[in-house]
């Protein structure tokens, strides 16, 4: 196998790994009925004029399965944190006692679970599309190499390797979705 062909396959594999990493990050943001500090990732607070992640202005801890505690390092940050959580629309109303904010996660209803399944499956589908796009681009590069003098056999071997990678990563996406579904069902 030529060096160029090997590079195309390695690039495709790297891209597919990134798609899986993105899927994992997105799935952790989908609430499965259990309190998880990553639910607050991506929520920024106005900290003296600059948007700052909540984790950088407060201590986030899990009190029990359905309760997240947010202890700001500065008392004057209570209001901005509450406001940021409300604006993020994560489906949880913050409750403040003057010292800390508590987020009580309601138990998941059947309807809410179905919504979350749909959201998780949509994320999985985005990842599959990304993986297939990477496959398409890699196969186009292999075909270009073939026009530039790569043998037909080597070209076919490269395409087969890329397809095997694609199949492997699609199965990985399905496994992640099944694990998330199982997590949502056991509450």
N, C-alpha and C. Protein backbone atom coordinates (compact mmCIF):
# COMPACT_ATOMS: atom_id res chain seq x y z
N UNK A 1 0.85 -1.19 0.00
CA UNK A 1 0.00 0.00 0.00
C UNK A 1 0.88 1.24 0.00
N UNK A 2 0.57 2.18 -0.88
CA UNK A 2 1.41 3.37 -1.00
C UNK A 2 1.27 4.26 0.24
N UNK A 3 2.27 5.11 0.39
CA UNK A 3 2.30 6.01 1.54
C UNK A 3 1.12 6.99 1.50
N UNK A 4 0.82 7.50 0.29
CA UNK A 4 -0.29 8.45 0.15
C UNK A 4 -1.62 7.80 0.53
N UNK A 5 -1.80 6.57 0.09
CA UNK A 5 -3.03 5.83 0.39
C UNK A 5 -3.15 5.61 1.90
N UNK A 6 -2.03 5.25 2.52
CA UNK A 6 -2.02 5.04 3.98
C UNK A 6 -2.40 6.33 4.70
N UNK A 7 -1.90 7.46 4.21
CA UNK A 7 -2.22 8.75 4.81
C UNK A 7 -3.72 9.06 4.71
N UNK A 8 -4.31 8.76 3.55
CA UNK A 8 -5.74 9.01 3.36
C UNK A 8 -6.54 8.19 4.36
N UNK A 9 -6.17 6.93 4.52
CA UNK A 9 -6.88 6.03 5.44
C UNK A 9 -6.73 6.53 6.89
N UNK A 10 -5.51 6.93 7.25
CA UNK A 10 -5.27 7.43 8.62
C UNK A 10 -6.06 8.72 8.88
N UNK A 11 -6.09 9.61 7.88
CA UNK A 11 -6.86 10.85 8.03
C UNK A 11 -8.35 10.54 8.21
N UNK A 12 -8.85 9.59 7.42
CA UNK A 12 -10.26 9.20 7.54
C UNK A 12 -10.54 8.64 8.93
N UNK A 13 -9.62 7.81 9.43
CA UNK A 13 -9.81 7.23 10.76
C UNK A 13 -9.81 8.32 11.84
N UNK A 14 -8.89 9.28 11.72
CA UNK A 14 -8.85 10.38 12.68
C UNK A 14 -10.16 11.17 12.67
N UNK A 15 -10.65 11.47 11.46
CA UNK A 15 -11.91 12.20 11.34
C UNK A 15 -13.06 11.44 11.97
N UNK A 16 -13.09 10.13 11.75
CA UNK A 16 -14.17 9.31 12.31
C UNK A 16 -14.08 9.25 13.83
N UNK A 17 -12.85 9.20 14.35
CA UNK A 17 -12.67 9.22 15.82
C UNK A 17 -13.19 10.53 16.41
N UNK A 18 -12.95 11.63 15.69
CA UNK A 18 -13.45 12.93 16.16
C UNK A 18 -14.97 12.96 16.15
N UNK A 19 -15.58 12.33 15.13
CA UNK A 19 -17.05 12.27 15.08
C UNK A 19 -17.59 11.50 16.28
N UNK A 20 -16.91 10.41 16.66
CA UNK A 20 -17.33 9.63 17.83
C UNK A 20 -17.13 10.46 19.10
N UNK A 21 -16.02 11.17 19.19
CA UNK A 21 -15.76 12.03 20.36
C UNK A 21 -16.84 13.09 20.50
N UNK A 22 -17.24 13.67 19.38
CA UNK A 22 -18.30 14.68 19.41
C UNK A 22 -19.62 14.05 19.86
N UNK A 23 -19.91 12.87 19.36
CA UNK A 23 -21.14 12.17 19.77
C UNK A 23 -21.13 11.93 21.28
N UNK A 24 -20.01 11.45 21.80
CA UNK A 24 -19.91 11.18 23.24
C UNK A 24 -20.16 12.46 24.04
N UNK A 25 -19.58 13.56 23.58
CA UNK A 25 -19.77 14.84 24.28
C UNK A 25 -21.23 15.26 24.24
N UNK A 26 -21.88 15.11 23.10
CA UNK A 26 -23.29 15.50 22.97
C UNK A 26 -24.19 14.60 23.81
N UNK A 27 -23.89 13.31 23.85
CA UNK A 27 -24.73 12.38 24.62
C UNK A 27 -24.63 12.65 26.12
N UNK A 28 -23.47 13.12 26.60
CA UNK A 28 -23.37 13.42 28.03
C UNK A 28 -24.23 14.62 28.40
N UNK A 29 -24.50 15.49 27.42
CA UNK A 29 -25.33 16.67 27.70
C UNK A 29 -26.81 16.31 27.77
N UNK A 30 -27.18 15.15 27.21
CA UNK A 30 -28.58 14.75 27.24
C UNK A 30 -28.86 14.14 28.61
N UNK A 31 -29.75 14.76 29.32
CA UNK A 31 -30.05 14.35 30.69
C UNK A 31 -30.78 13.01 30.70
N UNK A 32 -30.25 12.08 31.45
CA UNK A 32 -30.86 10.76 31.50
C UNK A 32 -31.50 10.49 32.86
N UNK A 33 -31.92 11.55 33.54
CA UNK A 33 -32.57 11.36 34.83
C UNK A 33 -31.62 11.38 36.00
N UNK A 34 -30.34 11.33 35.73
CA UNK A 34 -29.34 11.36 36.80
C UNK A 34 -28.61 12.70 36.74
N UNK A 35 -28.31 13.25 37.90
CA UNK A 35 -27.57 14.51 37.96
C UNK A 35 -26.16 14.28 37.46
N UNK A 36 -25.70 15.19 36.61
CA UNK A 36 -24.38 15.08 36.04
C UNK A 36 -23.84 16.49 35.81
N UNK A 37 -22.65 16.82 36.34
CA UNK A 37 -22.14 18.17 36.20
C UNK A 37 -21.94 18.59 34.73
N UNK A 38 -21.77 17.63 33.83
CA UNK A 38 -21.56 17.98 32.42
C UNK A 38 -22.81 18.59 31.80
N UNK A 39 -23.95 18.47 32.48
CA UNK A 39 -25.18 19.09 31.98
C UNK A 39 -25.02 20.61 31.90
N UNK A 40 -24.12 21.15 32.72
CA UNK A 40 -23.93 22.59 32.76
C UNK A 40 -22.83 23.06 31.82
N UNK A 41 -22.16 22.12 31.14
CA UNK A 41 -21.14 22.50 30.16
C UNK A 41 -21.82 23.30 29.06
N UNK A 42 -21.16 24.30 28.62
CA UNK A 42 -21.73 25.10 27.53
C UNK A 42 -22.60 26.24 28.02
N UNK A 43 -22.86 26.29 29.33
CA UNK A 43 -23.63 27.41 29.88
C UNK A 43 -22.63 28.43 30.41
N UNK A 44 -22.70 29.63 29.85
CA UNK A 44 -21.77 30.69 30.26
C UNK A 44 -22.48 31.74 31.10
N UNK A 45 -21.73 32.26 32.08
CA UNK A 45 -22.23 33.29 32.99
C UNK A 45 -21.53 34.60 32.64
N UNK A 46 -22.25 35.71 32.77
CA UNK A 46 -21.64 37.02 32.56
C UNK A 46 -20.80 37.34 33.79
N UNK A 47 -19.49 37.16 33.69
CA UNK A 47 -18.58 37.39 34.81
C UNK A 47 -17.79 38.67 34.53
N UNK A 48 -18.25 39.76 35.12
CA UNK A 48 -17.65 41.08 34.93
C UNK A 48 -17.48 41.41 33.45
N UNK A 49 -18.54 41.15 32.69
CA UNK A 49 -18.55 41.55 31.28
C UNK A 49 -18.06 40.51 30.28
N UNK A 50 -17.53 39.40 30.77
CA UNK A 50 -17.08 38.40 29.80
C UNK A 50 -17.79 37.06 30.08
N UNK A 51 -18.22 36.38 29.01
CA UNK A 51 -18.91 35.10 29.19
C UNK A 51 -17.92 34.03 29.69
N UNK A 52 -18.25 33.43 30.83
CA UNK A 52 -17.36 32.47 31.49
C UNK A 52 -18.16 31.21 31.84
N UNK A 53 -17.60 30.02 31.61
CA UNK A 53 -18.31 28.79 31.99
C UNK A 53 -18.60 28.75 33.50
N UNK A 54 -19.75 28.20 33.86
CA UNK A 54 -20.15 28.14 35.27
C UNK A 54 -19.07 27.48 36.13
N UNK A 55 -18.45 26.43 35.59
CA UNK A 55 -17.44 25.69 36.36
C UNK A 55 -16.25 26.57 36.74
N UNK A 56 -16.08 27.71 36.07
CA UNK A 56 -14.95 28.60 36.39
C UNK A 56 -15.31 29.69 37.39
N UNK A 57 -16.59 29.78 37.77
CA UNK A 57 -16.98 30.79 38.76
C UNK A 57 -17.64 30.16 39.98
N UNK A 58 -17.79 28.83 39.97
CA UNK A 58 -18.47 28.17 41.09
C UNK A 58 -18.00 26.72 41.20
N UNK A 59 -18.24 26.17 42.38
CA UNK A 59 -17.96 24.76 42.62
C UNK A 59 -19.25 23.98 42.34
N UNK A 60 -19.18 23.02 41.43
CA UNK A 60 -20.35 22.22 41.07
C UNK A 60 -20.19 20.84 41.69
N UNK A 61 -21.21 20.41 42.45
CA UNK A 61 -21.14 19.08 43.05
C UNK A 61 -22.50 18.39 42.96
N UNK A 62 -22.47 17.08 43.07
CA UNK A 62 -23.68 16.27 43.02
C UNK A 62 -24.04 15.88 44.46
N UNK A 63 -25.22 16.30 44.91
CA UNK A 63 -25.64 15.99 46.28
C UNK A 63 -26.26 14.60 46.35
N UNK A 64 -27.10 14.28 45.38
CA UNK A 64 -27.68 12.94 45.28
C UNK A 64 -28.01 12.68 43.81
N UNK A 65 -28.68 11.60 43.54
CA UNK A 65 -28.94 11.19 42.14
C UNK A 65 -29.64 12.26 41.33
N UNK A 66 -30.47 13.08 41.98
CA UNK A 66 -31.25 14.07 41.23
C UNK A 66 -30.99 15.51 41.64
N UNK A 67 -29.89 15.79 42.34
CA UNK A 67 -29.64 17.15 42.81
C UNK A 67 -28.21 17.59 42.51
N UNK A 68 -28.10 18.76 41.86
CA UNK A 68 -26.80 19.37 41.61
C UNK A 68 -26.70 20.63 42.47
N UNK A 69 -25.57 20.79 43.12
CA UNK A 69 -25.33 21.98 43.94
C UNK A 69 -24.29 22.85 43.24
N UNK A 70 -24.59 24.16 43.17
CA UNK A 70 -23.65 25.11 42.58
C UNK A 70 -23.32 26.14 43.65
N UNK A 71 -22.08 26.14 44.10
CA UNK A 71 -21.62 27.05 45.16
C UNK A 71 -20.70 28.10 44.53
N UNK A 72 -21.24 29.32 44.26
CA UNK A 72 -20.39 30.35 43.64
C UNK A 72 -19.25 30.77 44.58
N UNK A 73 -18.13 31.12 43.99
CA UNK A 73 -17.00 31.57 44.80
C UNK A 73 -17.21 33.00 45.28
N UNK A 74 -18.06 33.73 44.58
CA UNK A 74 -18.40 35.09 45.00
C UNK A 74 -19.91 35.16 45.13
N UNK A 75 -20.39 35.68 46.25
CA UNK A 75 -21.85 35.73 46.48
C UNK A 75 -22.60 36.51 45.42
N UNK A 76 -21.96 37.56 44.88
CA UNK A 76 -22.65 38.38 43.89
C UNK A 76 -22.85 37.65 42.55
N UNK A 77 -22.34 36.42 42.43
CA UNK A 77 -22.50 35.65 41.20
C UNK A 77 -23.76 34.78 41.22
N UNK A 78 -24.48 34.74 42.36
CA UNK A 78 -25.70 33.92 42.45
C UNK A 78 -26.71 34.30 41.37
N UNK A 79 -27.04 35.58 41.26
CA UNK A 79 -28.04 36.04 40.28
C UNK A 79 -27.61 35.73 38.84
N UNK A 80 -26.38 36.10 38.45
CA UNK A 80 -25.98 35.82 37.06
C UNK A 80 -25.99 34.32 36.72
N UNK A 81 -25.62 33.47 37.69
CA UNK A 81 -25.63 32.02 37.43
C UNK A 81 -27.06 31.54 37.25
N UNK A 82 -27.96 31.99 38.14
CA UNK A 82 -29.37 31.60 38.00
C UNK A 82 -29.91 32.04 36.65
N UNK A 83 -29.60 33.28 36.28
CA UNK A 83 -30.09 33.83 35.01
C UNK A 83 -29.56 33.01 33.83
N UNK A 84 -28.28 32.64 33.88
CA UNK A 84 -27.67 31.88 32.78
C UNK A 84 -28.32 30.50 32.65
N UNK A 85 -28.62 29.87 33.78
CA UNK A 85 -29.26 28.54 33.74
C UNK A 85 -30.67 28.65 33.17
N UNK A 86 -31.39 29.70 33.56
CA UNK A 86 -32.73 29.89 33.02
C UNK A 86 -32.68 30.13 31.51
N UNK A 87 -31.73 30.94 31.06
CA UNK A 87 -31.61 31.25 29.63
C UNK A 87 -31.16 30.04 28.82
N UNK A 88 -30.42 29.12 29.45
CA UNK A 88 -29.92 27.94 28.74
C UNK A 88 -31.05 26.97 28.42
N UNK A 89 -32.18 27.12 29.12
CA UNK A 89 -33.36 26.31 28.85
C UNK A 89 -33.06 24.80 28.89
N UNK A 90 -32.47 24.35 30.01
CA UNK A 90 -32.16 22.93 30.14
C UNK A 90 -33.30 22.17 30.82
N UNK A 91 -34.38 22.86 31.08
CA UNK A 91 -35.55 22.20 31.64
C UNK A 91 -35.52 22.07 33.15
N UNK A 92 -34.66 22.83 33.80
CA UNK A 92 -34.54 22.77 35.26
C UNK A 92 -34.57 24.20 35.79
N UNK A 93 -35.37 24.42 36.84
CA UNK A 93 -35.44 25.74 37.44
C UNK A 93 -34.48 25.79 38.63
N UNK A 94 -33.53 26.73 38.62
CA UNK A 94 -32.59 26.84 39.74
C UNK A 94 -33.28 27.38 41.00
N UNK A 95 -32.87 26.87 42.15
CA UNK A 95 -33.42 27.34 43.42
C UNK A 95 -32.26 27.79 44.31
N UNK A 96 -32.33 29.04 44.71
CA UNK A 96 -31.25 29.63 45.50
C UNK A 96 -31.68 29.83 46.95
N UNK A 97 -30.73 29.59 47.87
CA UNK A 97 -31.01 29.84 49.28
C UNK A 97 -30.17 31.01 49.80
N UNK A 98 -29.58 31.78 48.89
CA UNK A 98 -28.76 32.93 49.29
C UNK A 98 -27.28 32.60 49.35
N UNK A 99 -26.92 31.31 49.47
CA UNK A 99 -25.52 30.90 49.51
C UNK A 99 -25.15 30.02 48.33
N UNK A 100 -26.09 29.18 47.94
CA UNK A 100 -25.82 28.26 46.84
C UNK A 100 -27.08 28.06 46.00
N UNK A 101 -26.88 27.51 44.82
CA UNK A 101 -28.00 27.21 43.93
C UNK A 101 -28.13 25.71 43.86
N UNK A 102 -29.35 25.24 43.94
CA UNK A 102 -29.60 23.80 43.79
C UNK A 102 -30.46 23.58 42.57
N UNK A 103 -30.11 22.56 41.81
CA UNK A 103 -30.91 22.16 40.66
C UNK A 103 -31.51 20.79 40.98
N UNK A 104 -32.83 20.74 41.07
CA UNK A 104 -33.51 19.47 41.35
C UNK A 104 -34.03 18.92 40.02
N UNK A 105 -33.50 17.78 39.62
CA UNK A 105 -33.93 17.17 38.37
C UNK A 105 -35.22 16.41 38.60
N UNK A 106 -36.26 16.75 37.87
CA UNK A 106 -37.52 16.01 38.04
C UNK A 106 -37.36 14.60 37.48
N UNK A 107 -38.11 13.64 38.03
CA UNK A 107 -38.05 12.29 37.45
C UNK A 107 -38.55 12.34 36.00
N UNK A 108 -37.97 11.51 35.16
CA UNK A 108 -38.33 11.53 33.75
C UNK A 108 -39.69 10.89 33.52
N UNK A 109 -40.53 11.60 32.80
CA UNK A 109 -41.82 11.03 32.40
C UNK A 109 -41.60 10.21 31.13
N UNK A 110 -42.56 9.39 30.79
CA UNK A 110 -42.47 8.58 29.57
C UNK A 110 -42.31 9.49 28.35
N UNK A 111 -43.09 10.57 28.33
CA UNK A 111 -43.04 11.51 27.21
C UNK A 111 -41.66 12.15 27.09
N UNK A 112 -41.11 12.56 28.22
CA UNK A 112 -39.78 13.20 28.22
C UNK A 112 -38.71 12.21 27.78
N UNK A 113 -38.84 10.96 28.20
CA UNK A 113 -37.88 9.93 27.77
C UNK A 113 -37.90 9.77 26.26
N UNK A 114 -39.11 9.76 25.70
CA UNK A 114 -39.23 9.62 24.24
C UNK A 114 -38.56 10.79 23.54
N UNK A 115 -38.74 11.99 24.09
CA UNK A 115 -38.09 13.19 23.53
C UNK A 115 -36.57 13.03 23.57
N UNK A 116 -36.08 12.56 24.71
CA UNK A 116 -34.63 12.39 24.87
C UNK A 116 -34.10 11.30 23.94
N UNK A 117 -34.87 10.21 23.75
CA UNK A 117 -34.47 9.18 22.79
C UNK A 117 -34.33 9.78 21.41
N UNK A 118 -35.31 10.59 21.03
CA UNK A 118 -35.28 11.22 19.71
C UNK A 118 -34.04 12.10 19.58
N UNK A 119 -33.75 12.86 20.63
CA UNK A 119 -32.60 13.76 20.62
C UNK A 119 -31.30 12.94 20.50
N UNK A 120 -31.21 11.86 21.27
CA UNK A 120 -30.01 11.01 21.24
C UNK A 120 -29.86 10.38 19.86
N UNK A 121 -30.97 9.88 19.31
CA UNK A 121 -30.92 9.26 17.99
C UNK A 121 -30.54 10.27 16.91
N UNK A 122 -31.02 11.51 17.06
CA UNK A 122 -30.66 12.55 16.09
C UNK A 122 -29.15 12.81 16.15
N UNK A 123 -28.60 12.86 17.36
CA UNK A 123 -27.15 13.05 17.50
C UNK A 123 -26.40 11.88 16.86
N UNK A 124 -26.91 10.67 17.08
CA UNK A 124 -26.30 9.48 16.48
C UNK A 124 -26.33 9.57 14.96
N UNK A 125 -27.45 10.02 14.43
CA UNK A 125 -27.60 10.14 12.98
C UNK A 125 -26.64 11.19 12.42
N UNK A 126 -26.45 12.31 13.16
CA UNK A 126 -25.48 13.33 12.74
C UNK A 126 -24.08 12.72 12.66
N UNK A 127 -23.75 11.91 13.65
CA UNK A 127 -22.42 11.28 13.67
C UNK A 127 -22.27 10.32 12.49
N UNK A 128 -23.32 9.54 12.21
CA UNK A 128 -23.25 8.61 11.08
C UNK A 128 -23.07 9.36 9.77
N UNK A 129 -23.79 10.47 9.62
CA UNK A 129 -23.66 11.28 8.40
C UNK A 129 -22.23 11.81 8.28
N UNK A 130 -21.69 12.29 9.40
CA UNK A 130 -20.32 12.82 9.39
C UNK A 130 -19.34 11.72 8.98
N UNK A 131 -19.52 10.51 9.54
CA UNK A 131 -18.64 9.39 9.21
C UNK A 131 -18.76 9.04 7.73
N UNK A 132 -19.98 9.01 7.22
CA UNK A 132 -20.18 8.69 5.80
C UNK A 132 -19.58 9.77 4.89
N UNK A 133 -19.66 11.03 5.31
CA UNK A 133 -19.04 12.10 4.53
C UNK A 133 -17.53 11.95 4.50
N UNK A 134 -16.95 11.55 5.63
CA UNK A 134 -15.50 11.32 5.68
C UNK A 134 -15.14 10.17 4.73
N UNK A 135 -15.97 9.12 4.74
CA UNK A 135 -15.74 7.98 3.83
C UNK A 135 -15.78 8.46 2.38
N UNK A 136 -16.80 9.22 2.04
CA UNK A 136 -16.95 9.72 0.66
C UNK A 136 -15.72 10.53 0.24
N UNK A 137 -15.29 11.45 1.10
CA UNK A 137 -14.13 12.28 0.77
C UNK A 137 -12.87 11.43 0.60
N UNK A 138 -12.69 10.44 1.49
CA UNK A 138 -11.50 9.59 1.41
C UNK A 138 -11.52 8.76 0.13
N UNK A 139 -12.68 8.24 -0.24
CA UNK A 139 -12.76 7.43 -1.47
C UNK A 139 -12.50 8.31 -2.70
N UNK A 140 -12.97 9.55 -2.67
CA UNK A 140 -12.68 10.48 -3.77
C UNK A 140 -11.18 10.72 -3.89
N UNK A 141 -10.51 10.85 -2.75
CA UNK A 141 -9.06 11.05 -2.77
C UNK A 141 -8.35 9.82 -3.34
N UNK A 142 -8.85 8.63 -3.00
CA UNK A 142 -8.26 7.39 -3.52
C UNK A 142 -8.44 7.34 -5.04
N UNK A 143 -9.61 7.73 -5.52
CA UNK A 143 -9.86 7.73 -6.97
C UNK A 143 -8.95 8.72 -7.69
N UNK A 144 -8.69 9.86 -7.04
CA UNK A 144 -7.75 10.83 -7.62
C UNK A 144 -6.35 10.21 -7.72
N UNK A 145 -5.95 9.49 -6.65
CA UNK A 145 -4.65 8.83 -6.67
C UNK A 145 -4.59 7.81 -7.81
N UNK A 146 -5.69 7.12 -8.03
CA UNK A 146 -5.73 6.10 -9.10
C UNK A 146 -5.52 6.78 -10.45
N UNK A 147 -6.13 7.95 -10.65
CA UNK A 147 -5.94 8.69 -11.90
C UNK A 147 -4.49 9.13 -12.05
N UNK A 148 -3.83 9.39 -10.91
CA UNK A 148 -2.44 9.83 -10.93
C UNK A 148 -1.45 8.67 -10.98
N UNK A 149 -1.96 7.44 -11.17
CA UNK A 149 -1.03 6.32 -11.38
C UNK A 149 -1.08 5.21 -10.35
N UNK A 150 -1.94 5.30 -9.35
CA UNK A 150 -2.05 4.21 -8.38
C UNK A 150 -2.71 3.02 -9.06
N UNK A 151 -2.23 1.81 -8.78
CA UNK A 151 -2.80 0.62 -9.45
C UNK A 151 -4.25 0.41 -9.01
N UNK A 152 -5.01 -0.25 -9.87
CA UNK A 152 -6.43 -0.48 -9.59
C UNK A 152 -6.60 -1.37 -8.35
N UNK A 153 -5.73 -2.37 -8.21
CA UNK A 153 -5.81 -3.27 -7.05
C UNK A 153 -5.58 -2.50 -5.75
N UNK A 154 -4.56 -1.67 -5.75
CA UNK A 154 -4.26 -0.87 -4.55
C UNK A 154 -5.42 0.07 -4.25
N UNK A 155 -6.01 0.63 -5.29
CA UNK A 155 -7.15 1.53 -5.12
C UNK A 155 -8.33 0.79 -4.48
N UNK A 156 -8.61 -0.41 -4.99
CA UNK A 156 -9.72 -1.21 -4.44
C UNK A 156 -9.44 -1.59 -2.99
N UNK A 157 -8.18 -1.96 -2.69
CA UNK A 157 -7.81 -2.31 -1.31
C UNK A 157 -8.02 -1.11 -0.39
N UNK A 158 -7.64 0.07 -0.87
CA UNK A 158 -7.81 1.29 -0.07
C UNK A 158 -9.28 1.57 0.20
N UNK A 159 -10.10 1.44 -0.86
CA UNK A 159 -11.55 1.66 -0.69
C UNK A 159 -12.15 0.65 0.27
N UNK A 160 -11.69 -0.60 0.19
CA UNK A 160 -12.18 -1.64 1.10
C UNK A 160 -11.80 -1.30 2.54
N UNK A 161 -10.56 -0.86 2.75
CA UNK A 161 -10.12 -0.48 4.11
C UNK A 161 -10.96 0.66 4.66
N UNK A 162 -11.24 1.64 3.80
CA UNK A 162 -12.03 2.80 4.23
C UNK A 162 -13.45 2.36 4.59
N UNK A 163 -14.02 1.46 3.78
CA UNK A 163 -15.38 0.96 4.06
C UNK A 163 -15.40 0.17 5.37
N UNK A 164 -14.37 -0.63 5.62
CA UNK A 164 -14.30 -1.40 6.87
C UNK A 164 -14.23 -0.45 8.08
N UNK A 165 -13.43 0.62 7.94
CA UNK A 165 -13.35 1.63 9.00
C UNK A 165 -14.72 2.25 9.25
N UNK A 166 -15.40 2.59 8.15
CA UNK A 166 -16.72 3.21 8.25
C UNK A 166 -17.68 2.29 8.99
N UNK A 167 -17.70 1.02 8.61
CA UNK A 167 -18.59 0.05 9.25
C UNK A 167 -18.29 -0.06 10.74
N UNK A 168 -16.99 -0.10 11.08
CA UNK A 168 -16.58 -0.21 12.48
C UNK A 168 -17.09 0.99 13.29
N UNK A 169 -16.94 2.19 12.74
CA UNK A 169 -17.35 3.39 13.47
C UNK A 169 -18.87 3.53 13.54
N UNK A 170 -19.58 3.08 12.53
CA UNK A 170 -21.05 3.11 12.57
C UNK A 170 -21.54 2.19 13.69
N UNK A 171 -20.90 1.02 13.83
CA UNK A 171 -21.25 0.09 14.92
C UNK A 171 -20.98 0.75 16.27
N UNK A 172 -19.87 1.50 16.37
CA UNK A 172 -19.54 2.21 17.61
C UNK A 172 -20.63 3.23 17.95
N UNK A 173 -21.12 3.95 16.95
CA UNK A 173 -22.20 4.92 17.16
C UNK A 173 -23.42 4.18 17.73
N UNK A 174 -23.78 3.06 17.10
CA UNK A 174 -24.94 2.28 17.57
C UNK A 174 -24.76 1.81 19.01
N UNK A 175 -23.56 1.39 19.36
CA UNK A 175 -23.29 0.94 20.75
C UNK A 175 -23.48 2.09 21.74
N UNK A 176 -22.99 3.28 21.36
CA UNK A 176 -23.16 4.45 22.24
C UNK A 176 -24.65 4.77 22.43
N UNK A 177 -25.41 4.68 21.35
CA UNK A 177 -26.84 4.97 21.44
C UNK A 177 -27.56 3.93 22.31
N UNK A 178 -27.18 2.67 22.17
CA UNK A 178 -27.80 1.63 22.99
C UNK A 178 -27.47 1.84 24.46
N UNK A 179 -26.23 2.22 24.75
CA UNK A 179 -25.83 2.46 26.14
C UNK A 179 -26.61 3.64 26.72
N UNK A 180 -26.80 4.69 25.92
CA UNK A 180 -27.55 5.86 26.39
C UNK A 180 -29.01 5.49 26.63
N UNK A 181 -29.56 4.67 25.74
CA UNK A 181 -30.95 4.24 25.90
C UNK A 181 -31.12 3.43 27.18
N UNK A 182 -30.16 2.55 27.44
CA UNK A 182 -30.20 1.73 28.67
C UNK A 182 -30.09 2.63 29.90
N UNK A 183 -29.22 3.64 29.82
CA UNK A 183 -29.06 4.58 30.92
C UNK A 183 -30.36 5.34 31.20
N UNK A 184 -31.07 5.71 30.13
CA UNK A 184 -32.32 6.45 30.29
C UNK A 184 -33.43 5.57 30.89
N UNK A 185 -33.38 4.29 30.60
CA UNK A 185 -34.43 3.40 31.08
C UNK A 185 -34.24 3.03 32.55
N UNK A 186 -33.00 3.00 33.03
CA UNK A 186 -32.76 2.63 34.43
C UNK A 186 -32.65 3.87 35.28
N UNK A 187 -33.77 4.26 35.88
CA UNK A 187 -33.77 5.44 36.75
C UNK A 187 -34.31 5.02 38.10
